[in-house]
Every structure is written in structure tokens, then in C-alpha cells.
Amino acid sequence: MNQIDFSQIPLRDIHLPGAVSWWPPAVGWWVLAVGLLTGVAVFAWRYRARFRERAALKTLERVLKSLEQGQTPALCLQQISMLMRRFAMSLPDAGPAPVAGLTGDRWLRYLDSRWPQDAFTRGPGRALAAAPYQPPDRVLSQDVRELGALCVQWITTQKKAEG
């Protein structure tokens, strides 16, 4: 029998593989990252799209609170009128030019055309067209409260119509 001289054989020690690198990540991590980034982008886009409505509702709430704290109804009505005009001009499908030139009944008809009611031309919304031309002492707090509630409904409806 042949004897083998193991010292003559070029044997080496066991080599372990190198450490697993953190880059490039596995496919599952890429999918997770893309999903998270997409979710954040969608959330940011929706949040930004609703900024206009939130700001208008907050301002309207502030105006109605100032009415309760003793502000003159005529001034509150003027602030609501400016708010509604600015909000309408900021709507994506309205554009500032056509809305800015509307006055009186044309303005009220425009507001009614944006939802399935006629509360501006035939309801408490008439105060938007009539009250600025009345003496300040003839504008009633109750009319301003009703107009404020109507404007909250209108703004909320615009939010639902776009989204």
C-alpha cells in the first residue's frame, strides 16, 4: 500500500466567504422603499390639494367667532364676501379672471352653479350681493351666521367635488 506524505500536498485551511455587504439591498427592500416613497408622495399631494379648503374653513370659523365676540355684522359679512371670492378664484377649474369680474346676481348664480342648490340666489346667500350696499346698522348678526353656515357647506361641497 502506498503511503501518502500529507506534508507534500499543498492543502490550505478552510476559507469562509466574506461578510455579506449591505449594498446593494435585496429586491424586497427596493420594493418597500418604492412603496414608502409613493405613499409619502400621495399623502403630500393630497394634503397640499386640501390646503385651500382647510385655510378657508379656518378663516370662516375665525370670522364667525369674532361675530360672537362682538364684531360688527357688516364687517364680518365683508370678510366672508372677500373669503368666498378668494376661495372661488383659487378653484382649479374657475380661474381668477372670470370670477373676479362677477358681481351681484351673476356672482350668486356662479356660486349656485358649483353645487346642486340655489341657496345663494334664493336663500341666505343673497346677503353677499345685498348687504354691502345696506347701512351697517341694518345688517343682522343672524343673517351673517346663516351666510357663514351656507358658506361652510359650499366650501365643503367644493372639496368633495374635486377629490
N, C-alpha and C. Protein backbone atom coordinates (compact mmCIF):
# COMPACT_ATOMS: atom_id res chain seq x y z
N MET A 1 0.80 -1.15 0.00
CA MET A 1 0.00 0.00 0.00
C MET A 1 0.87 1.26 0.00
N ASN A 2 0.42 2.21 -0.70
CA ASN A 2 1.19 3.43 -0.85
C ASN A 2 0.89 4.37 0.32
N GLN A 3 1.91 4.84 0.79
CA GLN A 3 1.73 5.82 1.85
C GLN A 3 1.86 7.22 1.27
N ILE A 4 0.96 8.06 1.74
CA ILE A 4 0.93 9.43 1.21
C ILE A 4 1.56 10.35 2.26
N ASP A 5 2.41 11.16 1.75
CA ASP A 5 3.02 12.15 2.63
C ASP A 5 2.18 13.42 2.56
N PHE A 6 1.43 13.61 3.59
CA PHE A 6 0.49 14.74 3.60
C PHE A 6 1.21 16.08 3.69
N SER A 7 2.40 16.08 4.10
CA SER A 7 3.13 17.34 4.18
C SER A 7 3.51 17.85 2.79
N GLN A 8 3.51 16.95 1.85
CA GLN A 8 3.86 17.33 0.50
C GLN A 8 2.66 17.84 -0.30
N ILE A 9 1.46 17.60 0.17
CA ILE A 9 0.24 18.03 -0.55
C ILE A 9 -0.03 19.49 -0.17
N PRO A 10 -0.26 20.32 -1.18
CA PRO A 10 -0.49 21.75 -0.88
C PRO A 10 -1.93 21.98 -0.39
N LEU A 11 -2.20 21.63 0.82
CA LEU A 11 -3.52 21.86 1.40
C LEU A 11 -3.55 23.23 2.08
N ARG A 12 -4.70 23.80 2.02
CA ARG A 12 -4.88 25.10 2.67
C ARG A 12 -5.99 24.98 3.69
N ASP A 13 -6.04 25.95 4.57
CA ASP A 13 -7.08 25.97 5.60
C ASP A 13 -8.42 26.32 4.95
N ILE A 14 -9.49 26.02 5.64
CA ILE A 14 -10.84 26.32 5.13
C ILE A 14 -11.02 27.83 5.04
N HIS A 15 -11.52 28.27 3.89
CA HIS A 15 -11.77 29.70 3.68
C HIS A 15 -13.28 29.95 3.76
N LEU A 16 -13.67 30.85 4.66
CA LEU A 16 -15.07 31.22 4.79
C LEU A 16 -15.37 32.37 3.83
N PRO A 17 -16.61 32.43 3.35
CA PRO A 17 -16.95 33.56 2.46
C PRO A 17 -16.89 34.87 3.22
N GLY A 18 -16.74 35.96 2.46
CA GLY A 18 -16.68 37.29 3.06
C GLY A 18 -18.04 37.68 3.66
N ALA A 19 -18.03 38.72 4.44
CA ALA A 19 -19.26 39.20 5.06
C ALA A 19 -20.21 39.72 3.99
N VAL A 20 -21.48 39.54 4.24
CA VAL A 20 -22.50 39.99 3.29
C VAL A 20 -22.55 41.50 3.33
N SER A 21 -22.47 42.13 2.20
CA SER A 21 -22.49 43.58 2.10
C SER A 21 -23.92 44.12 2.23
N TRP A 22 -24.05 45.31 2.76
CA TRP A 22 -25.38 45.91 2.89
C TRP A 22 -25.82 46.55 1.58
N TRP A 23 -24.87 46.73 0.66
CA TRP A 23 -25.22 47.32 -0.63
C TRP A 23 -24.79 46.40 -1.74
N PRO A 24 -25.58 46.17 -2.70
CA PRO A 24 -26.94 46.64 -2.97
C PRO A 24 -27.96 45.83 -2.17
N PRO A 25 -29.03 46.48 -1.75
CA PRO A 25 -30.04 45.77 -0.98
C PRO A 25 -30.81 44.76 -1.84
N ALA A 26 -31.46 43.88 -1.16
CA ALA A 26 -32.24 42.86 -1.85
C ALA A 26 -33.46 43.49 -2.51
N VAL A 27 -34.07 42.78 -3.42
CA VAL A 27 -35.22 43.29 -4.17
C VAL A 27 -36.36 43.70 -3.24
N GLY A 28 -36.56 42.94 -2.20
CA GLY A 28 -37.65 43.26 -1.27
C GLY A 28 -37.49 44.63 -0.63
N TRP A 29 -36.25 45.01 -0.32
CA TRP A 29 -36.02 46.34 0.25
C TRP A 29 -36.30 47.44 -0.78
N TRP A 30 -35.96 47.18 -2.04
CA TRP A 30 -36.26 48.16 -3.09
C TRP A 30 -37.77 48.34 -3.22
N VAL A 31 -38.51 47.24 -3.19
CA VAL A 31 -39.97 47.32 -3.30
C VAL A 31 -40.54 48.09 -2.12
N LEU A 32 -40.05 47.81 -0.92
CA LEU A 32 -40.51 48.52 0.27
C LEU A 32 -40.20 50.02 0.17
N ALA A 33 -39.00 50.36 -0.27
CA ALA A 33 -38.62 51.77 -0.40
C ALA A 33 -39.50 52.48 -1.42
N VAL A 34 -39.75 51.86 -2.56
CA VAL A 34 -40.60 52.48 -3.58
C VAL A 34 -42.03 52.65 -3.04
N GLY A 35 -42.52 51.64 -2.32
CA GLY A 35 -43.86 51.73 -1.74
C GLY A 35 -43.97 52.86 -0.73
N LEU A 36 -42.97 52.99 0.14
CA LEU A 36 -42.97 54.06 1.13
C LEU A 36 -42.89 55.44 0.47
N LEU A 37 -42.00 55.58 -0.50
CA LEU A 37 -41.88 56.87 -1.19
C LEU A 37 -43.16 57.24 -1.93
N THR A 38 -43.80 56.25 -2.53
CA THR A 38 -45.07 56.51 -3.22
C THR A 38 -46.13 56.94 -2.22
N GLY A 39 -46.19 56.25 -1.09
CA GLY A 39 -47.17 56.61 -0.06
C GLY A 39 -46.96 58.01 0.46
N VAL A 40 -45.71 58.39 0.72
CA VAL A 40 -45.41 59.73 1.20
C VAL A 40 -45.78 60.77 0.14
N ALA A 41 -45.48 60.49 -1.12
CA ALA A 41 -45.80 61.44 -2.20
C ALA A 41 -47.31 61.62 -2.34
N VAL A 42 -48.06 60.54 -2.27
CA VAL A 42 -49.52 60.63 -2.39
C VAL A 42 -50.08 61.41 -1.21
N PHE A 43 -49.60 61.13 -0.01
CA PHE A 43 -50.07 61.86 1.17
C PHE A 43 -49.76 63.35 1.04
N ALA A 44 -48.55 63.69 0.63
CA ALA A 44 -48.18 65.10 0.49
C ALA A 44 -49.02 65.79 -0.58
N TRP A 45 -49.26 65.11 -1.68
CA TRP A 45 -50.07 65.70 -2.74
C TRP A 45 -51.50 65.95 -2.27
N ARG A 46 -52.09 64.98 -1.58
CA ARG A 46 -53.46 65.15 -1.09
C ARG A 46 -53.53 66.22 -0.01
N TYR A 47 -52.54 66.28 0.86
CA TYR A 47 -52.50 67.30 1.90
C TYR A 47 -52.41 68.68 1.26
N ARG A 48 -51.56 68.82 0.28
CA ARG A 48 -51.40 70.11 -0.40
C ARG A 48 -52.66 70.50 -1.16
N ALA A 49 -53.33 69.52 -1.76
CA ALA A 49 -54.54 69.81 -2.52
C ALA A 49 -55.66 70.30 -1.62
N ARG A 50 -55.67 69.89 -0.37
CA ARG A 50 -56.73 70.30 0.55
C ARG A 50 -56.35 71.50 1.40
N PHE A 51 -55.19 72.07 1.18
CA PHE A 51 -54.76 73.22 1.96
C PHE A 51 -55.72 74.40 1.79
N ARG A 52 -56.14 74.63 0.56
CA ARG A 52 -57.03 75.75 0.26
C ARG A 52 -58.33 75.65 1.06
N GLU A 53 -58.93 74.46 1.10
CA GLU A 53 -60.19 74.28 1.81
C GLU A 53 -60.01 74.45 3.32
N ARG A 54 -58.95 73.86 3.84
CA ARG A 54 -58.71 73.97 5.28
C ARG A 54 -58.50 75.42 5.69
N ALA A 55 -57.74 76.16 4.90
CA ALA A 55 -57.48 77.57 5.22
C ALA A 55 -58.77 78.39 5.15
N ALA A 56 -59.59 78.13 4.14
CA ALA A 56 -60.85 78.88 4.01
C ALA A 56 -61.79 78.57 5.17
N LEU A 57 -61.91 77.31 5.54
CA LEU A 57 -62.80 76.94 6.64
C LEU A 57 -62.30 77.51 7.96
N LYS A 58 -60.99 77.52 8.15
CA LYS A 58 -60.43 78.08 9.39
C LYS A 58 -60.68 79.58 9.46
N THR A 59 -60.51 80.28 8.34
CA THR A 59 -60.76 81.72 8.32
C THR A 59 -62.23 82.02 8.55
N LEU A 60 -63.10 81.23 7.94
CA LEU A 60 -64.54 81.42 8.13
C LEU A 60 -64.92 81.19 9.59
N GLU A 61 -64.33 80.19 10.20
CA GLU A 61 -64.60 79.92 11.62
C GLU A 61 -64.14 81.10 12.49
N ARG A 62 -62.98 81.67 12.14
CA ARG A 62 -62.47 82.83 12.88
C ARG A 62 -63.40 84.04 12.74
N VAL A 63 -63.94 84.24 11.54
CA VAL A 63 -64.84 85.38 11.32
C VAL A 63 -66.11 85.20 12.13
N LEU A 64 -66.67 84.00 12.12
CA LEU A 64 -67.90 83.75 12.87
C LEU A 64 -67.66 83.85 14.37
N LYS A 65 -66.47 83.46 14.82
CA LYS A 65 -66.15 83.59 16.25
C LYS A 65 -66.03 85.07 16.62
N SER A 66 -65.45 85.87 15.73
CA SER A 66 -65.34 87.30 16.02
C SER A 66 -66.72 87.96 16.06
N LEU A 67 -67.67 87.45 15.27
CA LEU A 67 -69.05 87.95 15.32
C LEU A 67 -69.65 87.67 16.69
N GLU A 68 -69.40 86.48 17.22
CA GLU A 68 -69.92 86.12 18.54
C GLU A 68 -69.26 86.95 19.64
N GLN A 69 -68.05 87.42 19.39
CA GLN A 69 -67.34 88.21 20.40
C GLN A 69 -67.62 89.70 20.30
N GLY A 70 -68.55 90.08 19.42
CA GLY A 70 -68.98 91.47 19.37
C GLY A 70 -68.56 92.25 18.14
N GLN A 71 -67.93 91.64 17.19
CA GLN A 71 -67.57 92.33 15.95
C GLN A 71 -68.84 92.76 15.22
N THR A 72 -68.79 93.85 14.51
CA THR A 72 -69.98 94.33 13.82
C THR A 72 -70.34 93.37 12.69
N PRO A 73 -71.63 93.07 12.52
CA PRO A 73 -72.05 92.13 11.48
C PRO A 73 -71.65 92.58 10.07
N ALA A 74 -71.66 93.89 9.82
CA ALA A 74 -71.31 94.38 8.49
C ALA A 74 -69.84 94.06 8.15
N LEU A 75 -68.96 94.21 9.12
CA LEU A 75 -67.55 93.90 8.90
C LEU A 75 -67.36 92.39 8.69
N CYS A 76 -68.06 91.59 9.47
CA CYS A 76 -67.96 90.13 9.31
C CYS A 76 -68.48 89.70 7.94
N LEU A 77 -69.55 90.32 7.50
CA LEU A 77 -70.10 90.00 6.18
C LEU A 77 -69.11 90.38 5.08
N GLN A 78 -68.46 91.50 5.26
CA GLN A 78 -67.45 91.93 4.28
C GLN A 78 -66.30 90.92 4.23
N GLN A 79 -65.87 90.43 5.38
CA GLN A 79 -64.79 89.45 5.43
C GLN A 79 -65.21 88.13 4.78
N ILE A 80 -66.46 87.71 5.01
CA ILE A 80 -66.96 86.48 4.39
C ILE A 80 -67.01 86.66 2.88
N SER A 81 -67.44 87.81 2.43
CA SER A 81 -67.51 88.08 0.99
C SER A 81 -66.13 88.00 0.35
N MET A 82 -65.13 88.60 0.99
CA MET A 82 -63.76 88.54 0.45
C MET A 82 -63.24 87.11 0.46
N LEU A 83 -63.53 86.38 1.53
CA LEU A 83 -63.09 84.99 1.62
C LEU A 83 -63.69 84.15 0.51
N MET A 84 -64.97 84.29 0.28
CA MET A 84 -65.64 83.50 -0.76
C MET A 84 -65.08 83.83 -2.14
N ARG A 85 -64.85 85.09 -2.39
CA ARG A 85 -64.30 85.49 -3.69
C ARG A 85 -62.90 84.91 -3.88
N ARG A 86 -62.06 85.02 -2.87
CA ARG A 86 -60.70 84.48 -2.97
C ARG A 86 -60.71 82.96 -3.13
N PHE A 87 -61.57 82.30 -2.37
CA PHE A 87 -61.65 80.85 -2.48
C PHE A 87 -62.12 80.45 -3.88
N ALA A 88 -63.14 81.12 -4.40
CA ALA A 88 -63.65 80.79 -5.73
C ALA A 88 -62.59 81.03 -6.80
N MET A 89 -61.79 82.08 -6.65
CA MET A 89 -60.74 82.34 -7.62
C MET A 89 -59.63 81.31 -7.56
N SER A 90 -59.48 80.67 -6.41
CA SER A 90 -58.41 79.68 -6.27
C SER A 90 -58.82 78.29 -6.74
N LEU A 91 -60.07 78.08 -7.07
CA LEU A 91 -60.50 76.77 -7.55
C LEU A 91 -59.83 76.47 -8.88
N PRO A 92 -59.36 75.24 -9.07
CA PRO A 92 -58.58 74.93 -10.27
C PRO A 92 -59.33 75.13 -11.58
N ASP A 93 -60.61 74.85 -11.61
CA ASP A 93 -61.34 74.95 -12.87
C ASP A 93 -62.02 76.30 -13.04
N ALA A 94 -61.86 77.21 -12.09
CA ALA A 94 -62.53 78.50 -12.19
C ALA A 94 -61.61 79.55 -12.81
N GLY A 95 -60.45 79.69 -12.27
CA GLY A 95 -59.53 80.70 -12.77
C GLY A 95 -59.88 82.06 -12.20
N PRO A 96 -58.90 82.90 -11.96
CA PRO A 96 -59.16 84.19 -11.32
C PRO A 96 -59.89 85.18 -12.21
N ALA A 97 -59.65 85.19 -13.50
CA ALA A 97 -60.21 86.23 -14.36
C ALA A 97 -61.74 86.20 -14.41
N PRO A 98 -62.40 85.07 -14.70
CA PRO A 98 -63.85 85.10 -14.78
C PRO A 98 -64.54 85.38 -13.45
N VAL A 99 -63.99 84.89 -12.37
CA VAL A 99 -64.63 85.04 -11.07
C VAL A 99 -64.47 86.46 -10.54
N ALA A 100 -63.32 87.06 -10.77
CA ALA A 100 -63.06 88.39 -10.23
C ALA A 100 -64.02 89.44 -10.80
N GLY A 101 -64.48 89.24 -12.00
CA GLY A 101 -65.36 90.23 -12.62
C GLY A 101 -66.83 90.04 -12.33
N LEU A 102 -67.20 89.00 -11.63
CA LEU A 102 -68.60 88.74 -11.36
C LEU A 102 -69.09 89.58 -10.18
N THR A 103 -70.26 90.18 -10.34
CA THR A 103 -70.87 90.96 -9.26
C THR A 103 -72.37 90.69 -9.22
N GLY A 104 -72.97 91.04 -8.11
CA GLY A 104 -74.43 90.95 -7.98
C GLY A 104 -74.97 89.56 -8.22
N ASP A 105 -76.03 89.50 -9.03
CA ASP A 105 -76.71 88.23 -9.29
C ASP A 105 -75.83 87.27 -10.10
N ARG A 106 -74.97 87.79 -10.96
CA ARG A 106 -74.07 86.90 -11.70
C ARG A 106 -73.13 86.17 -10.75
N TRP A 107 -72.65 86.84 -9.72
CA TRP A 107 -71.78 86.23 -8.73
C TRP A 107 -72.55 85.14 -7.96
N LEU A 108 -73.77 85.43 -7.57
CA LEU A 108 -74.57 84.45 -6.83
C LEU A 108 -74.93 83.26 -7.72
N ARG A 109 -75.22 83.51 -8.99
CA ARG A 109 -75.51 82.39 -9.90
C ARG A 109 -74.28 81.51 -10.11
N TYR A 110 -73.11 82.14 -10.16
CA TYR A 110 -71.89 81.36 -10.28
C TYR A 110 -71.72 80.44 -9.06
N LEU A 111 -71.93 80.98 -7.87
CA LEU A 111 -71.80 80.17 -6.66
C LEU A 111 -72.79 79.01 -6.68
N ASP A 112 -74.03 79.29 -7.10
CA ASP A 112 -75.04 78.22 -7.16
C ASP A 112 -74.73 77.20 -8.25
N SER A 113 -74.03 77.62 -9.30
CA SER A 113 -73.72 76.69 -10.39
C SER A 113 -72.69 75.64 -9.95
N ARG A 114 -71.98 75.90 -8.85
CA ARG A 114 -70.93 74.99 -8.39
C ARG A 114 -71.45 73.92 -7.44
N TRP A 115 -72.77 73.91 -7.19
CA TRP A 115 -73.35 72.87 -6.34
C TRP A 115 -74.83 72.74 -6.65
N PRO A 116 -75.48 71.68 -6.19
CA PRO A 116 -76.87 71.42 -6.60
C PRO A 116 -77.93 72.16 -5.79
N GLN A 117 -77.66 73.34 -5.34
CA GLN A 117 -78.63 74.13 -4.58
C GLN A 117 -78.73 75.52 -5.17
N ASP A 118 -79.76 76.25 -4.76
CA ASP A 118 -79.87 77.66 -5.18
C ASP A 118 -79.95 78.56 -3.95
N ALA A 119 -79.20 78.22 -2.93
CA ALA A 119 -79.25 78.95 -1.67
C ALA A 119 -78.59 80.33 -1.74
N PHE A 120 -77.80 80.57 -2.76
CA PHE A 120 -77.21 81.90 -2.89
C PHE A 120 -78.15 82.84 -3.63
N THR A 121 -78.81 82.36 -4.66
CA THR A 121 -79.71 83.24 -5.41
C THR A 121 -81.07 83.38 -4.75
N ARG A 122 -81.49 82.38 -3.96
CA ARG A 122 -82.84 82.42 -3.37
C ARG A 122 -82.86 82.21 -1.87
N GLY A 123 -81.72 82.16 -1.23
CA GLY A 123 -81.69 81.88 0.20
C GLY A 123 -80.83 82.88 0.94
N PRO A 124 -80.23 82.44 2.04
CA PRO A 124 -79.43 83.36 2.85
C PRO A 124 -78.19 83.89 2.13
N GLY A 125 -77.81 83.27 1.03
CA GLY A 125 -76.66 83.74 0.27
C GLY A 125 -76.89 85.07 -0.42
N ARG A 126 -78.15 85.51 -0.52
CA ARG A 126 -78.45 86.82 -1.12
C ARG A 126 -77.73 87.94 -0.38
N ALA A 127 -77.41 87.70 0.89
CA ALA A 127 -76.72 88.73 1.68
C ALA A 127 -75.38 89.11 1.07
N LEU A 128 -74.76 88.19 0.32
CA LEU A 128 -73.48 88.53 -0.32
C LEU A 128 -73.64 89.66 -1.33
N ALA A 129 -74.77 89.70 -2.00
CA ALA A 129 -74.97 90.74 -3.02
C ALA A 129 -75.65 91.98 -2.45
N ALA A 130 -76.54 91.81 -1.47
CA ALA A 130 -77.34 92.93 -0.99
C ALA A 130 -76.70 93.69 0.17
N ALA A 131 -76.11 92.99 1.11
CA ALA A 131 -75.65 93.61 2.35
C ALA A 131 -74.55 94.66 2.17
N PRO A 132 -73.63 94.51 1.24
CA PRO A 132 -72.60 95.56 1.13
C PRO A 132 -73.16 96.95 0.81
N TYR A 133 -74.36 97.00 0.27
CA TYR A 133 -74.95 98.28 -0.11
C TYR A 133 -75.95 98.78 0.92
N GLN A 134 -76.12 98.06 2.01
CA GLN A 134 -77.02 98.50 3.08
C GLN A 134 -76.23 99.26 4.13
N PRO A 135 -76.92 100.10 4.88
CA PRO A 135 -76.24 100.76 6.00
C PRO A 135 -75.75 99.70 7.00
N PRO A 136 -74.60 99.91 7.62
CA PRO A 136 -74.04 98.90 8.52
C PRO A 136 -74.97 98.48 9.65
N ASP A 137 -75.82 99.39 10.11
CA ASP A 137 -76.69 99.04 11.23
C ASP A 137 -77.88 98.17 10.80
N ARG A 138 -78.08 97.97 9.50
CA ARG A 138 -79.19 97.14 9.03
C ARG A 138 -78.77 95.70 8.75
N VAL A 139 -77.49 95.41 8.84
CA VAL A 139 -77.00 94.04 8.66
C VAL A 139 -77.15 93.32 10.00
N LEU A 140 -77.89 92.21 10.00
CA LEU A 140 -78.20 91.49 11.23
C LEU A 140 -77.19 90.36 11.46
N SER A 141 -76.91 90.12 12.74
CA SER A 141 -75.99 89.04 13.11
C SER A 141 -76.53 87.69 12.66
N GLN A 142 -77.84 87.49 12.75
CA GLN A 142 -78.44 86.21 12.35
C GLN A 142 -78.22 85.96 10.85
N ASP A 143 -78.33 87.00 10.04
CA ASP A 143 -78.09 86.84 8.60
C ASP A 143 -76.65 86.42 8.33
N VAL A 144 -75.72 86.99 9.07
CA VAL A 144 -74.30 86.67 8.89
C VAL A 144 -74.04 85.23 9.33
N ARG A 145 -74.66 84.80 10.43
CA ARG A 145 -74.50 83.41 10.89
C ARG A 145 -75.03 82.43 9.85
N GLU A 146 -76.20 82.72 9.29
CA GLU A 146 -76.78 81.85 8.26
C GLU A 146 -75.90 81.82 7.02
N LEU A 147 -75.40 82.97 6.63
CA LEU A 147 -74.50 83.03 5.48
C LEU A 147 -73.22 82.24 5.76
N GLY A 148 -72.69 82.36 6.97
CA GLY A 148 -71.48 81.60 7.33
C GLY A 148 -71.71 80.10 7.25
N ALA A 149 -72.86 79.64 7.75
CA ALA A 149 -73.17 78.20 7.67
C ALA A 149 -73.31 77.76 6.22
N LEU A 150 -73.93 78.60 5.41
CA LEU A 150 -74.09 78.28 3.98
C LEU A 150 -72.72 78.21 3.29
N CYS A 151 -71.84 79.14 3.62
CA CYS A 151 -70.51 79.15 3.01
C CYS A 151 -69.69 77.94 3.42
N VAL A 152 -69.85 77.49 4.67
CA VAL A 152 -69.16 76.28 5.11
C VAL A 152 -69.63 75.10 4.27
N GLN A 153 -70.94 74.98 4.05
CA GLN A 153 -71.48 73.90 3.23
C GLN A 153 -70.93 73.99 1.80
N TRP A 154 -70.90 75.19 1.25
CA TRP A 154 -70.46 75.37 -0.12
C TRP A 154 -68.99 74.98 -0.27
N ILE A 155 -68.15 75.44 0.65
CA ILE A 155 -66.72 75.12 0.58
C ILE A 155 -66.51 73.62 0.72
N THR A 156 -67.23 73.00 1.64
CA THR A 156 -67.12 71.56 1.83
C THR A 156 -67.55 70.81 0.57
N THR A 157 -68.59 71.29 -0.09
CA THR A 157 -69.04 70.66 -1.33
C THR A 157 -67.99 70.78 -2.42
N GLN A 158 -67.28 71.90 -2.47
CA GLN A 158 -66.24 72.06 -3.48
C GLN A 158 -65.11 71.09 -3.22
N LYS A 159 -64.81 70.83 -1.98
CA LYS A 159 -63.75 69.89 -1.63
C LYS A 159 -64.12 68.49 -2.12
N LYS A 160 -65.36 68.10 -1.93
CA LYS A 160 -65.80 66.76 -2.35
C LYS A 160 -65.88 66.67 -3.88
N ALA A 161 -66.25 67.75 -4.54
CA ALA A 161 -66.39 67.72 -6.00
C ALA A 161 -65.04 67.52 -6.68
N GLU A 162 -63.97 68.10 -6.10
CA GLU A 162 -62.65 67.96 -6.71
C GLU A 162 -62.00 66.62 -6.41
N GLY A 163 -62.20 66.14 -5.19
CA GLY A 163 -61.47 64.95 -4.75
C GLY A 163 -62.11 63.71 -5.20
